[in-house]
Protein backbone atom coordinates (compact mmCIF):
# COMPACT_ATOMS: atom_id res chain seq x y z
CA UNK A 1 -5.99 -16.54 7.79
CA UNK A 2 -6.52 -19.95 6.56
CA UNK A 3 -4.07 -23.00 7.63
CA UNK A 4 -3.48 -25.13 4.69
CA UNK A 5 -2.35 -29.11 6.64
CA UNK A 6 -0.54 -30.00 2.78
CA UNK A 7 1.79 -27.09 3.08
CA UNK A 8 2.00 -27.01 7.22
CA UNK A 9 1.58 -22.90 7.04
CA UNK A 10 -0.88 -20.16 6.96
CA UNK A 11 -2.28 -18.14 4.07
CA UNK A 12 -2.87 -15.10 4.64
CA UNK A 13 -4.33 -12.37 2.14
CA UNK A 14 -4.24 -8.43 2.39
CA UNK A 15 -4.54 -5.70 0.50
CA UNK A 16 -0.73 -3.82 0.84
CA UNK A 17 1.39 -1.12 -1.18
CA UNK A 18 4.86 -2.26 -1.42
CA UNK A 19 7.45 0.54 -2.72
CA UNK A 20 10.77 -0.44 -3.90
CA UNK A 21 13.44 2.11 -3.83
CA UNK A 22 17.09 1.95 -4.95
CA UNK A 23 18.84 5.20 -3.85
CA UNK A 24 22.30 6.42 -2.49
CA UNK A 25 20.66 6.56 0.69
CA UNK A 26 19.71 2.75 0.45
CA UNK A 27 23.41 2.20 -0.45
CA UNK A 28 22.57 1.50 -4.03
CA UNK A 29 20.59 -1.35 -2.98
CA UNK A 30 16.93 -2.26 -3.51
CA UNK A 31 14.44 -1.79 -0.46
CA UNK A 32 11.24 -2.80 -0.41
CA UNK A 33 9.06 -1.59 2.01
CA UNK A 34 5.43 -1.42 3.11
CA UNK A 35 3.42 1.63 2.78
CA UNK A 36 1.91 1.90 6.04
CA UNK A 37 1.39 4.79 8.53
CA UNK A 38 2.12 2.76 11.09
CA UNK A 39 6.03 1.78 10.33
CA UNK A 40 8.09 5.18 10.57
CA UNK A 41 10.34 3.60 8.29
CA UNK A 42 8.64 4.78 4.87
CA UNK A 43 9.23 8.56 6.69
CA UNK A 44 13.15 7.81 7.56
CA UNK A 45 13.57 6.48 3.96
CA UNK A 46 12.01 8.93 1.53
CA UNK A 47 11.50 12.09 2.40
CA UNK A 48 8.05 14.18 2.15
CA UNK A 49 9.38 15.85 -0.88
CA UNK A 50 10.27 12.87 -2.88
CA UNK A 51 7.09 10.85 -2.02
CA UNK A 52 5.07 13.61 -3.12
CA UNK A 53 6.78 13.32 -6.50
CA UNK A 54 6.38 9.22 -6.17
CA UNK A 55 2.50 9.86 -5.54
CA UNK A 56 2.89 8.52 -2.16
């Protein structure tokens, strides 16, 4: 993490996997979910069979 005084902001760089989902379960809206075992929202939105088919 690095503070950038000119922009008055912090720069944070990390490697994460984001998955974009468009489905009837998301009310036909795009949802962006971080694939992170700490968060259960990923498993709540996509059942394990769909995750397997997507190679997640």
